[in-house]
Structure formats: structure tokens, C-alpha cells
Amino acid sequence: MEDMSIQSMKINRLKEQMTSLEDEKKLAQIIHKNEVQKSTRLIERTKKLEKELTLNEPLGQAKEQLWANIIDSVNDMWSSIQVIFEQNDLVKEAIEAIQRVKAELGDMPKEATKIIDFLNSKNKYELQELDIDNRTGTILEVKKVLTKRNLMMNIEDKCQTMQLAIDRLMVKFDALR
């Protein structure tokens, strides 16, 4: 009997140890489950932080804001840009008109200078023989050719200056495209 009672006690101790081990196992499983959940949350948080660190979202927002500002600026300046394009067209038309007037004048400015020199070299009587009664009036008429030439040269200089400024602007404008 004693053997049985010892064995029964051993069995009870083993049962208690088993129960204790099962409780420890359940506790370990709960702890493990909690650790897995913590680990999963940490992994998710890490991924979220990695996305934030890559700056995709903030850079995307900044890029959108930048383009919105650029578009607003272009819209504000569009009327000025249109005027520049119109000026460019007008300058080209002016240059064509200047070329036509130059072709029309041809060698007249050289001849006008020779005529003025000729008229200034003659006296009143010599001019009367040539049927020129009014030296001053004739010289003024001839000087109209020189005035027209000088005017065309000044306008041509101004057009070239404007064209250079427009061309520089166009280069900068093309760089923005």
C-alpha cells in the first residue's frame, strides 16, 4: 500500500507538474501571440515610416504646388507673352517694309548727295541756265531722299535691337518648355 500511496503521490505530483506545464505552455502561447502581434505592428509601422522617409507623398505634394504656382505665373504673364509674340510679328513686318523702301531708294541717296554738291557748286546764274530758279527748294526736295534713308536706317537699328531682345527672350522661353 505504501507503494501505491507513493505512486499515487508521484502521479499527483506529475499531474500537478503537467498542469503547471500546460499553464506555462498556454502562457507562453499567449506571450508568443502578443509578441507576433507586436512584431507585425512594428513591421507595418516600419513600412509606413520607410514610405514617409522616401518622401514620395511630401515630394508629390510639393511638386503639385510648384506646378500650380508656375501655371498661375504663366497665366498672369500670358497677356505679356502674347504682346511679345505680336511685337515679334510686327518687327518682322517692319524689317520687310524697310527692305522694300531700301530697294525703292536704290542708289538715290548717293545721287542725291551728288546733286546737292552739284547745286551748291553752281552760282545763281548757272542754275538759271539749267532752269533751276530756287536752289534752296530744290535742295530741300533732294534732301527728302536722304531724310528717308536716315529714317529707314534708324528704324532698322531699332528693329534689330528689338529683334535681339525678343530672340533672347525666346531662347529663355524655349528652355522652359
N, C-alpha and C. Protein backbone atom coordinates (compact mmCIF):
# COMPACT_ATOMS: atom_id res chain seq x y z
N MET A 1 0.76 -1.16 0.00
CA MET A 1 0.00 0.00 0.00
C MET A 1 0.84 1.27 0.00
N GLU A 2 1.76 1.15 0.74
CA GLU A 2 2.67 2.28 0.79
C GLU A 2 3.21 2.57 -0.60
N ASP A 3 3.46 1.59 -1.30
CA ASP A 3 3.97 1.76 -2.64
C ASP A 3 2.92 2.45 -3.51
N MET A 4 1.73 2.09 -3.26
CA MET A 4 0.64 2.66 -4.03
C MET A 4 0.45 4.12 -3.67
N SER A 5 0.52 4.36 -2.41
CA SER A 5 0.34 5.75 -1.99
C SER A 5 1.51 6.59 -2.49
N ILE A 6 2.69 6.05 -2.50
CA ILE A 6 3.86 6.77 -3.02
C ILE A 6 3.67 6.98 -4.52
N GLN A 7 3.21 5.97 -5.16
CA GLN A 7 3.00 6.06 -6.59
C GLN A 7 1.86 7.06 -6.88
N SER A 8 0.82 6.99 -6.06
CA SER A 8 -0.30 7.90 -6.22
C SER A 8 0.17 9.34 -6.02
N MET A 9 1.04 9.55 -5.03
CA MET A 9 1.60 10.87 -4.79
C MET A 9 2.48 11.30 -5.96
N LYS A 10 3.23 10.36 -6.48
CA LYS A 10 4.09 10.68 -7.62
C LYS A 10 3.21 11.07 -8.82
N ILE A 11 2.12 10.29 -8.98
CA ILE A 11 1.22 10.56 -10.09
C ILE A 11 0.58 11.93 -9.91
N ASN A 12 0.15 12.24 -8.67
CA ASN A 12 -0.46 13.55 -8.39
C ASN A 12 0.55 14.68 -8.65
N ARG A 13 1.80 14.43 -8.22
CA ARG A 13 2.84 15.44 -8.47
C ARG A 13 3.08 15.60 -9.97
N LEU A 14 3.07 14.50 -10.68
CA LEU A 14 3.26 14.55 -12.12
C LEU A 14 2.08 15.29 -12.79
N LYS A 15 0.84 15.00 -12.26
CA LYS A 15 -0.33 15.67 -12.80
C LYS A 15 -0.23 17.18 -12.54
N GLU A 16 0.20 17.51 -11.33
CA GLU A 16 0.36 18.93 -10.99
C GLU A 16 1.44 19.58 -11.87
N GLN A 17 2.52 18.83 -12.09
CA GLN A 17 3.59 19.35 -12.94
C GLN A 17 3.07 19.51 -14.38
N MET A 18 2.25 18.54 -14.82
CA MET A 18 1.69 18.60 -16.17
C MET A 18 0.75 19.79 -16.30
N THR A 19 -0.08 19.96 -15.29
CA THR A 19 -0.99 21.10 -15.30
C THR A 19 -0.21 22.40 -15.31
N SER A 20 0.83 22.42 -14.48
CA SER A 20 1.68 23.60 -14.41
C SER A 20 2.36 23.84 -15.75
N LEU A 21 2.83 22.74 -16.38
CA LEU A 21 3.48 22.86 -17.69
C LEU A 21 2.47 23.33 -18.76
N GLU A 22 1.23 22.81 -18.69
CA GLU A 22 0.21 23.22 -19.65
C GLU A 22 -0.12 24.70 -19.46
N ASP A 23 -0.20 25.13 -18.18
CA ASP A 23 -0.45 26.54 -17.91
C ASP A 23 0.70 27.40 -18.45
N GLU A 24 1.93 26.89 -18.22
CA GLU A 24 3.08 27.62 -18.73
C GLU A 24 3.06 27.65 -20.26
N LYS A 25 2.63 26.52 -20.85
CA LYS A 25 2.55 26.44 -22.32
C LYS A 25 1.52 27.45 -22.82
N LYS A 26 0.33 27.50 -22.16
CA LYS A 26 -0.71 28.46 -22.57
C LYS A 26 -0.21 29.89 -22.41
N LEU A 27 0.46 30.14 -21.30
CA LEU A 27 1.01 31.46 -21.05
C LEU A 27 2.06 31.81 -22.11
N ALA A 28 2.90 30.84 -22.45
CA ALA A 28 3.93 31.04 -23.47
C ALA A 28 3.28 31.32 -24.83
N GLN A 29 2.17 30.58 -25.13
CA GLN A 29 1.46 30.79 -26.39
C GLN A 29 0.86 32.20 -26.44
N ILE A 30 0.28 32.62 -25.31
CA ILE A 30 -0.30 33.97 -25.26
C ILE A 30 0.80 35.02 -25.44
N ILE A 31 1.91 34.80 -24.73
CA ILE A 31 3.04 35.73 -24.86
C ILE A 31 3.56 35.74 -26.29
N HIS A 32 3.66 34.53 -26.87
CA HIS A 32 4.14 34.41 -28.26
C HIS A 32 3.18 35.14 -29.21
N LYS A 33 1.86 34.92 -29.00
CA LYS A 33 0.86 35.57 -29.85
C LYS A 33 0.99 37.10 -29.72
N ASN A 34 1.15 37.58 -28.50
CA ASN A 34 1.31 39.03 -28.28
C ASN A 34 2.58 39.55 -28.95
N GLU A 35 3.65 38.79 -28.85
CA GLU A 35 4.91 39.18 -29.47
C GLU A 35 4.79 39.20 -30.99
N VAL A 36 4.08 38.22 -31.55
CA VAL A 36 3.86 38.18 -33.00
C VAL A 36 3.06 39.41 -33.42
N GLN A 37 2.01 39.74 -32.66
CA GLN A 37 1.20 40.93 -32.97
C GLN A 37 2.04 42.21 -32.89
N LYS A 38 2.86 42.29 -31.83
CA LYS A 38 3.73 43.45 -31.69
C LYS A 38 4.69 43.53 -32.87
N SER A 39 5.24 42.38 -33.22
CA SER A 39 6.18 42.33 -34.33
C SER A 39 5.50 42.75 -35.63
N THR A 40 4.27 42.27 -35.85
CA THR A 40 3.52 42.63 -37.06
C THR A 40 3.25 44.13 -37.09
N ARG A 41 2.83 44.68 -35.94
CA ARG A 41 2.58 46.12 -35.87
C ARG A 41 3.88 46.90 -36.12
N LEU A 42 4.98 46.41 -35.57
CA LEU A 42 6.27 47.08 -35.79
C LEU A 42 6.67 47.03 -37.26
N ILE A 43 6.43 45.89 -37.89
CA ILE A 43 6.76 45.76 -39.32
C ILE A 43 5.91 46.73 -40.13
N GLU A 44 4.60 46.81 -39.83
CA GLU A 44 3.73 47.74 -40.54
C GLU A 44 4.16 49.18 -40.31
N ARG A 45 4.48 49.51 -39.07
CA ARG A 45 4.93 50.87 -38.74
C ARG A 45 6.25 51.18 -39.46
N THR A 46 7.14 50.20 -39.53
CA THR A 46 8.42 50.37 -40.22
C THR A 46 8.18 50.65 -41.70
N LYS A 47 7.26 49.88 -42.30
CA LYS A 47 6.96 50.10 -43.73
C LYS A 47 6.38 51.50 -43.95
N LYS A 48 5.50 51.91 -43.05
CA LYS A 48 4.90 53.24 -43.16
C LYS A 48 5.97 54.32 -43.02
N LEU A 49 6.87 54.14 -42.07
CA LEU A 49 7.95 55.11 -41.88
C LEU A 49 8.90 55.13 -43.08
N GLU A 50 9.15 53.95 -43.65
CA GLU A 50 10.00 53.89 -44.85
C GLU A 50 9.37 54.69 -45.99
N LYS A 51 8.05 54.55 -46.14
CA LYS A 51 7.37 55.32 -47.19
C LYS A 51 7.49 56.82 -46.92
N GLU A 52 7.33 57.20 -45.67
CA GLU A 52 7.45 58.61 -45.32
C GLU A 52 8.88 59.11 -45.54
N LEU A 53 9.85 58.24 -45.27
CA LEU A 53 11.24 58.63 -45.44
C LEU A 53 11.61 58.77 -46.91
N THR A 54 10.97 58.01 -47.78
CA THR A 54 11.26 58.13 -49.21
C THR A 54 10.68 59.43 -49.76
N LEU A 55 9.86 60.10 -49.00
CA LEU A 55 9.32 61.41 -49.33
C LEU A 55 8.44 61.41 -50.57
N ASN A 56 7.89 60.25 -50.93
CA ASN A 56 7.04 60.21 -52.11
C ASN A 56 5.84 61.14 -51.97
N GLU A 57 5.18 61.03 -50.86
CA GLU A 57 3.98 61.84 -50.66
C GLU A 57 4.32 63.32 -50.50
N PRO A 58 5.25 63.68 -49.59
CA PRO A 58 5.56 65.10 -49.46
C PRO A 58 6.12 65.71 -50.74
N LEU A 59 6.97 64.96 -51.45
CA LEU A 59 7.52 65.49 -52.70
C LEU A 59 6.43 65.63 -53.75
N GLY A 60 5.52 64.68 -53.78
CA GLY A 60 4.41 64.77 -54.73
C GLY A 60 3.56 66.00 -54.47
N GLN A 61 3.29 66.28 -53.20
CA GLN A 61 2.51 67.47 -52.85
C GLN A 61 3.28 68.74 -53.20
N ALA A 62 4.56 68.74 -52.91
CA ALA A 62 5.38 69.91 -53.24
C ALA A 62 5.43 70.13 -54.74
N LYS A 63 5.54 69.04 -55.49
CA LYS A 63 5.58 69.12 -56.95
C LYS A 63 4.26 69.68 -57.49
N GLU A 64 3.14 69.21 -56.95
CA GLU A 64 1.84 69.72 -57.38
C GLU A 64 1.71 71.21 -57.08
N GLN A 65 2.15 71.61 -55.90
CA GLN A 65 2.08 73.03 -55.51
C GLN A 65 2.97 73.88 -56.40
N LEU A 66 4.16 73.37 -56.70
CA LEU A 66 5.10 74.09 -57.56
C LEU A 66 4.50 74.30 -58.94
N TRP A 67 3.93 73.25 -59.52
CA TRP A 67 3.33 73.36 -60.85
C TRP A 67 2.12 74.30 -60.83
N ALA A 68 1.35 74.26 -59.75
CA ALA A 68 0.22 75.18 -59.63
C ALA A 68 0.72 76.62 -59.63
N ASN A 69 1.81 76.88 -58.91
CA ASN A 69 2.38 78.24 -58.88
C ASN A 69 2.91 78.65 -60.24
N ILE A 70 3.56 77.71 -60.93
CA ILE A 70 4.10 78.01 -62.26
C ILE A 70 2.96 78.33 -63.23
N ILE A 71 1.91 77.54 -63.18
CA ILE A 71 0.76 77.76 -64.07
C ILE A 71 0.12 79.11 -63.77
N ASP A 72 -0.02 79.44 -62.49
CA ASP A 72 -0.58 80.75 -62.12
C ASP A 72 0.29 81.88 -62.67
N SER A 73 1.61 81.72 -62.53
CA SER A 73 2.52 82.76 -63.03
C SER A 73 2.42 82.90 -64.54
N VAL A 74 2.37 81.79 -65.24
CA VAL A 74 2.26 81.83 -66.70
C VAL A 74 0.94 82.48 -67.10
N ASN A 75 -0.14 82.13 -66.39
CA ASN A 75 -1.43 82.74 -66.70
C ASN A 75 -1.39 84.25 -66.46
N ASP A 76 -0.74 84.67 -65.38
CA ASP A 76 -0.61 86.10 -65.09
C ASP A 76 0.18 86.81 -66.18
N MET A 77 1.19 86.14 -66.72
CA MET A 77 2.06 86.77 -67.71
C MET A 77 1.62 86.51 -69.15
N TRP A 78 0.56 85.72 -69.34
CA TRP A 78 0.21 85.30 -70.70
C TRP A 78 -0.08 86.49 -71.62
N SER A 79 -0.76 87.51 -71.12
CA SER A 79 -1.05 88.66 -71.99
C SER A 79 0.25 89.32 -72.43
N SER A 80 1.22 89.41 -71.52
CA SER A 80 2.53 89.99 -71.87
C SER A 80 3.24 89.11 -72.90
N ILE A 81 3.13 87.81 -72.73
CA ILE A 81 3.77 86.88 -73.67
C ILE A 81 3.13 87.04 -75.05
N GLN A 82 1.81 87.18 -75.09
CA GLN A 82 1.12 87.37 -76.37
C GLN A 82 1.58 88.67 -77.04
N VAL A 83 1.76 89.73 -76.24
CA VAL A 83 2.22 91.00 -76.78
C VAL A 83 3.62 90.83 -77.38
N ILE A 84 4.45 90.06 -76.72
CA ILE A 84 5.82 89.83 -77.23
C ILE A 84 5.75 89.11 -78.58
N PHE A 85 4.87 88.10 -78.69
CA PHE A 85 4.72 87.41 -79.98
C PHE A 85 4.21 88.37 -81.05
N GLU A 86 3.27 89.25 -80.68
CA GLU A 86 2.76 90.23 -81.63
C GLU A 86 3.87 91.20 -82.03
N GLN A 87 4.68 91.64 -81.06
CA GLN A 87 5.80 92.53 -81.37
C GLN A 87 6.78 91.86 -82.33
N ASN A 88 7.01 90.59 -82.10
CA ASN A 88 7.91 89.84 -82.97
C ASN A 88 7.38 89.87 -84.40
N ASP A 89 6.09 89.64 -84.57
CA ASP A 89 5.49 89.68 -85.91
C ASP A 89 5.60 91.09 -86.51
N LEU A 90 5.34 92.11 -85.67
CA LEU A 90 5.41 93.49 -86.17
C LEU A 90 6.84 93.88 -86.55
N VAL A 91 7.80 93.44 -85.79
CA VAL A 91 9.21 93.73 -86.11
C VAL A 91 9.56 93.09 -87.44
N LYS A 92 9.11 91.86 -87.65
CA LYS A 92 9.39 91.19 -88.93
C LYS A 92 8.75 91.95 -90.09
N GLU A 93 7.51 92.41 -89.90
CA GLU A 93 6.84 93.20 -90.94
C GLU A 93 7.61 94.50 -91.20
N ALA A 94 8.07 95.15 -90.12
CA ALA A 94 8.81 96.41 -90.28
C ALA A 94 10.11 96.18 -91.05
N ILE A 95 10.79 95.09 -90.75
CA ILE A 95 12.05 94.78 -91.46
C ILE A 95 11.77 94.56 -92.94
N GLU A 96 10.67 93.86 -93.25
CA GLU A 96 10.30 93.66 -94.66
C GLU A 96 10.00 95.00 -95.34
N ALA A 97 9.27 95.89 -94.63
CA ALA A 97 8.96 97.20 -95.20
C ALA A 97 10.23 98.01 -95.41
N ILE A 98 11.15 97.93 -94.47
CA ILE A 98 12.44 98.65 -94.60
C ILE A 98 13.19 98.14 -95.82
N GLN A 99 13.19 96.84 -96.03
CA GLN A 99 13.88 96.27 -97.20
C GLN A 99 13.23 96.76 -98.50
N ARG A 100 11.88 96.86 -98.49
CA ARG A 100 11.20 97.37 -99.69
C ARG A 100 11.59 98.83 -99.96
N VAL A 101 11.62 99.65 -98.91
CA VAL A 101 11.97 101.07 -99.07
C VAL A 101 13.42 101.19 -99.53
N LYS A 102 14.30 100.39 -98.96
CA LYS A 102 15.70 100.42 -99.38
C LYS A 102 15.82 100.06 -100.86
N ALA A 103 15.08 99.05 -101.28
CA ALA A 103 15.13 98.65 -102.69
C ALA A 103 14.56 99.78 -103.56
N GLU A 104 13.51 100.42 -103.06
CA GLU A 104 12.89 101.52 -103.78
C GLU A 104 13.87 102.69 -103.92
N LEU A 105 14.61 102.98 -102.84
CA LEU A 105 15.57 104.08 -102.87
C LEU A 105 16.77 103.76 -103.75
N GLY A 106 17.16 102.51 -103.72
CA GLY A 106 18.29 102.09 -104.55
C GLY A 106 19.51 102.97 -104.34
N ASP A 107 20.01 103.57 -105.45
CA ASP A 107 21.19 104.45 -105.41
C ASP A 107 20.81 105.91 -105.24
N MET A 108 19.54 106.18 -104.99
CA MET A 108 19.10 107.57 -104.88
C MET A 108 19.86 108.36 -103.82
N PRO A 109 20.17 107.82 -102.66
CA PRO A 109 20.91 108.62 -101.68
C PRO A 109 22.27 109.10 -102.21
N LYS A 110 22.99 108.23 -102.92
CA LYS A 110 24.27 108.65 -103.50
C LYS A 110 24.05 109.74 -104.54
N GLU A 111 23.05 109.55 -105.37
CA GLU A 111 22.76 110.54 -106.40
C GLU A 111 22.30 111.85 -105.77
N ALA A 112 21.50 111.75 -104.67
CA ALA A 112 21.03 112.96 -104.00
C ALA A 112 22.21 113.76 -103.46
N THR A 113 23.18 113.07 -102.89
CA THR A 113 24.37 113.75 -102.37
C THR A 113 25.12 114.44 -103.51
N LYS A 114 25.24 113.76 -104.64
CA LYS A 114 25.93 114.36 -105.80
C LYS A 114 25.16 115.58 -106.32
N ILE A 115 23.83 115.46 -106.33
CA ILE A 115 23.01 116.58 -106.81
C ILE A 115 23.17 117.79 -105.90
N ILE A 116 23.15 117.55 -104.58
CA ILE A 116 23.31 118.65 -103.63
C ILE A 116 24.68 119.29 -103.80
N ASP A 117 25.72 118.47 -103.93
CA ASP A 117 27.06 119.02 -104.15
C ASP A 117 27.10 119.83 -105.45
N PHE A 118 26.45 119.30 -106.49
CA PHE A 118 26.41 119.99 -107.77
C PHE A 118 25.70 121.34 -107.63
N LEU A 119 24.51 121.33 -106.97
CA LEU A 119 23.75 122.57 -106.82
C LEU A 119 24.50 123.60 -105.98
N ASN A 120 25.22 123.13 -104.98
CA ASN A 120 25.98 124.04 -104.13
C ASN A 120 27.22 124.60 -104.85
N SER A 121 27.68 123.89 -105.85
CA SER A 121 28.89 124.34 -106.56
C SER A 121 28.57 125.36 -107.66
N LYS A 122 27.31 125.51 -107.98
CA LYS A 122 26.93 126.44 -109.07
C LYS A 122 26.44 127.76 -108.48
N ASN A 123 26.65 128.79 -109.25
CA ASN A 123 26.12 130.09 -108.82
C ASN A 123 24.70 130.27 -109.37
N LYS A 124 24.09 131.39 -109.00
CA LYS A 124 22.70 131.66 -109.34
C LYS A 124 22.48 131.67 -110.85
N TYR A 125 23.39 132.22 -111.55
CA TYR A 125 23.23 132.36 -112.99
C TYR A 125 23.36 131.01 -113.70
N GLU A 126 24.29 130.21 -113.22
CA GLU A 126 24.46 128.88 -113.81
C GLU A 126 23.22 128.02 -113.57
N LEU A 127 22.62 128.18 -112.40
CA LEU A 127 21.41 127.43 -112.08
C LEU A 127 20.22 127.90 -112.92
N GLN A 128 20.17 129.20 -113.20
CA GLN A 128 19.10 129.72 -114.05
C GLN A 128 19.21 129.16 -115.46
N GLU A 129 20.42 128.98 -115.92
CA GLU A 129 20.63 128.40 -117.24
C GLU A 129 20.10 126.97 -117.29
N LEU A 130 20.13 126.28 -116.12
CA LEU A 130 19.64 124.90 -116.04
C LEU A 130 18.14 124.84 -115.67
N ASP A 131 17.49 126.00 -115.70
CA ASP A 131 16.08 126.14 -115.33
C ASP A 131 15.83 125.79 -113.87
N ILE A 132 16.76 126.10 -113.00
CA ILE A 132 16.58 125.90 -111.56
C ILE A 132 16.52 127.29 -110.96
N ASP A 133 15.30 127.69 -110.59
CA ASP A 133 15.12 129.04 -110.07
C ASP A 133 15.31 129.10 -108.55
N ASN A 134 15.02 128.02 -107.88
CA ASN A 134 15.05 128.04 -106.41
C ASN A 134 16.01 126.94 -105.92
N ARG A 135 17.24 127.33 -105.70
CA ARG A 135 18.26 126.37 -105.25
C ARG A 135 17.83 125.72 -103.93
N THR A 136 17.40 126.53 -102.95
CA THR A 136 17.04 126.03 -101.61
C THR A 136 15.88 125.05 -101.70
N GLY A 137 14.86 125.38 -102.44
CA GLY A 137 13.70 124.48 -102.59
C GLY A 137 14.10 123.16 -103.24
N THR A 138 14.97 123.25 -104.24
CA THR A 138 15.41 122.04 -104.93
C THR A 138 16.25 121.17 -104.00
N ILE A 139 17.13 121.82 -103.25
CA ILE A 139 17.97 121.06 -102.30
C ILE A 139 17.09 120.39 -101.25
N LEU A 140 16.07 121.12 -100.78
CA LEU A 140 15.15 120.53 -99.78
C LEU A 140 14.43 119.30 -100.35
N GLU A 141 14.03 119.40 -101.61
CA GLU A 141 13.36 118.25 -102.25
C GLU A 141 14.31 117.06 -102.33
N VAL A 142 15.55 117.33 -102.69
CA VAL A 142 16.53 116.26 -102.83
C VAL A 142 16.87 115.68 -101.46
N LYS A 143 16.90 116.55 -100.45
CA LYS A 143 17.23 116.08 -99.09
C LYS A 143 16.16 115.15 -98.53
N LYS A 144 14.97 115.17 -99.08
CA LYS A 144 13.91 114.25 -98.63
C LYS A 144 14.36 112.80 -98.81
N VAL A 145 15.10 112.55 -99.86
CA VAL A 145 15.62 111.20 -100.12
C VAL A 145 16.61 110.81 -99.00
N LEU A 146 17.49 111.75 -98.65
CA LEU A 146 18.46 111.47 -97.59
C LEU A 146 17.76 111.31 -96.24
N THR A 147 16.75 112.13 -96.01
CA THR A 147 16.00 112.02 -94.75
C THR A 147 15.29 110.67 -94.67
N LYS A 148 14.73 110.26 -95.78
CA LYS A 148 14.05 108.96 -95.83
C LYS A 148 15.03 107.83 -95.56
N ARG A 149 16.22 107.92 -96.18
CA ARG A 149 17.26 106.92 -95.94
C ARG A 149 17.68 106.89 -94.48
N ASN A 150 17.92 108.06 -93.89
CA ASN A 150 18.32 108.13 -92.49
C ASN A 150 17.23 107.59 -91.57
N LEU A 151 16.01 107.92 -91.87
CA LEU A 151 14.88 107.42 -91.09
C LEU A 151 14.84 105.89 -91.15
N MET A 152 15.00 105.34 -92.33
CA MET A 152 14.98 103.88 -92.50
C MET A 152 16.13 103.23 -91.74
N MET A 153 17.29 103.87 -91.75
CA MET A 153 18.44 103.31 -91.03
C MET A 153 18.17 103.31 -89.52
N ASN A 154 17.58 104.40 -89.01
CA ASN A 154 17.27 104.47 -87.58
C ASN A 154 16.22 103.43 -87.19
N ILE A 155 15.21 103.32 -88.03
CA ILE A 155 14.15 102.33 -87.75
C ILE A 155 14.72 100.92 -87.82
N GLU A 156 15.60 100.69 -88.79
CA GLU A 156 16.22 99.38 -88.92
C GLU A 156 17.06 99.04 -87.68
N ASP A 157 17.81 100.02 -87.16
CA ASP A 157 18.59 99.80 -85.94
C ASP A 157 17.68 99.45 -84.77
N LYS A 158 16.58 100.19 -84.61
CA LYS A 158 15.63 99.93 -83.53
C LYS A 158 15.01 98.53 -83.68
N CYS A 159 14.67 98.18 -84.89
CA CYS A 159 14.08 96.85 -85.14
C CYS A 159 15.07 95.74 -84.81
N GLN A 160 16.32 95.94 -85.19
CA GLN A 160 17.33 94.93 -84.88
C GLN A 160 17.53 94.79 -83.38
N THR A 161 17.53 95.92 -82.66
CA THR A 161 17.66 95.88 -81.21
C THR A 161 16.49 95.14 -80.59
N MET A 162 15.28 95.45 -81.06
CA MET A 162 14.09 94.76 -80.54
C MET A 162 14.13 93.28 -80.89
N GLN A 163 14.56 92.97 -82.11
CA GLN A 163 14.61 91.57 -82.53
C GLN A 163 15.60 90.78 -81.68
N LEU A 164 16.74 91.37 -81.36
CA LEU A 164 17.71 90.69 -80.50
C LEU A 164 17.13 90.42 -79.12
N ALA A 165 16.43 91.41 -78.55
CA ALA A 165 15.81 91.23 -77.24
C ALA A 165 14.75 90.14 -77.29
N ILE A 166 13.95 90.15 -78.35
CA ILE A 166 12.91 89.12 -78.50
C ILE A 166 13.54 87.75 -78.67
N ASP A 167 14.61 87.66 -79.46
CA ASP A 167 15.29 86.38 -79.67
C ASP A 167 15.86 85.83 -78.37
N ARG A 168 16.46 86.71 -77.55
CA ARG A 168 16.98 86.27 -76.24
C ARG A 168 15.85 85.75 -75.36
N LEU A 169 14.72 86.45 -75.38
CA LEU A 169 13.58 86.01 -74.59
C LEU A 169 13.06 84.66 -75.10
N MET A 170 13.02 84.49 -76.40
CA MET A 170 12.54 83.23 -76.98
C MET A 170 13.44 82.06 -76.58
N VAL A 171 14.74 82.31 -76.54
CA VAL A 171 15.67 81.26 -76.11
C VAL A 171 15.36 80.84 -74.67
N LYS A 172 15.14 81.83 -73.82
CA LYS A 172 14.79 81.53 -72.43
C LYS A 172 13.43 80.85 -72.36
N PHE A 173 12.52 81.29 -73.19
CA PHE A 173 11.17 80.71 -73.21
C PHE A 173 11.23 79.26 -73.67
N ASP A 174 12.04 78.98 -74.68
CA ASP A 174 12.20 77.60 -75.17
C ASP A 174 12.81 76.70 -74.11
N ALA A 175 13.69 77.26 -73.30
CA ALA A 175 14.33 76.48 -72.23
C ALA A 175 13.31 76.04 -71.19
N LEU A 176 12.22 76.78 -71.05
CA LEU A 176 11.18 76.42 -70.08
C LEU A 176 10.27 75.30 -70.57
N ARG A 177 10.25 75.08 -71.86
CA ARG A 177 9.34 74.05 -72.39
C ARG A 177 9.76 72.68 -72.00
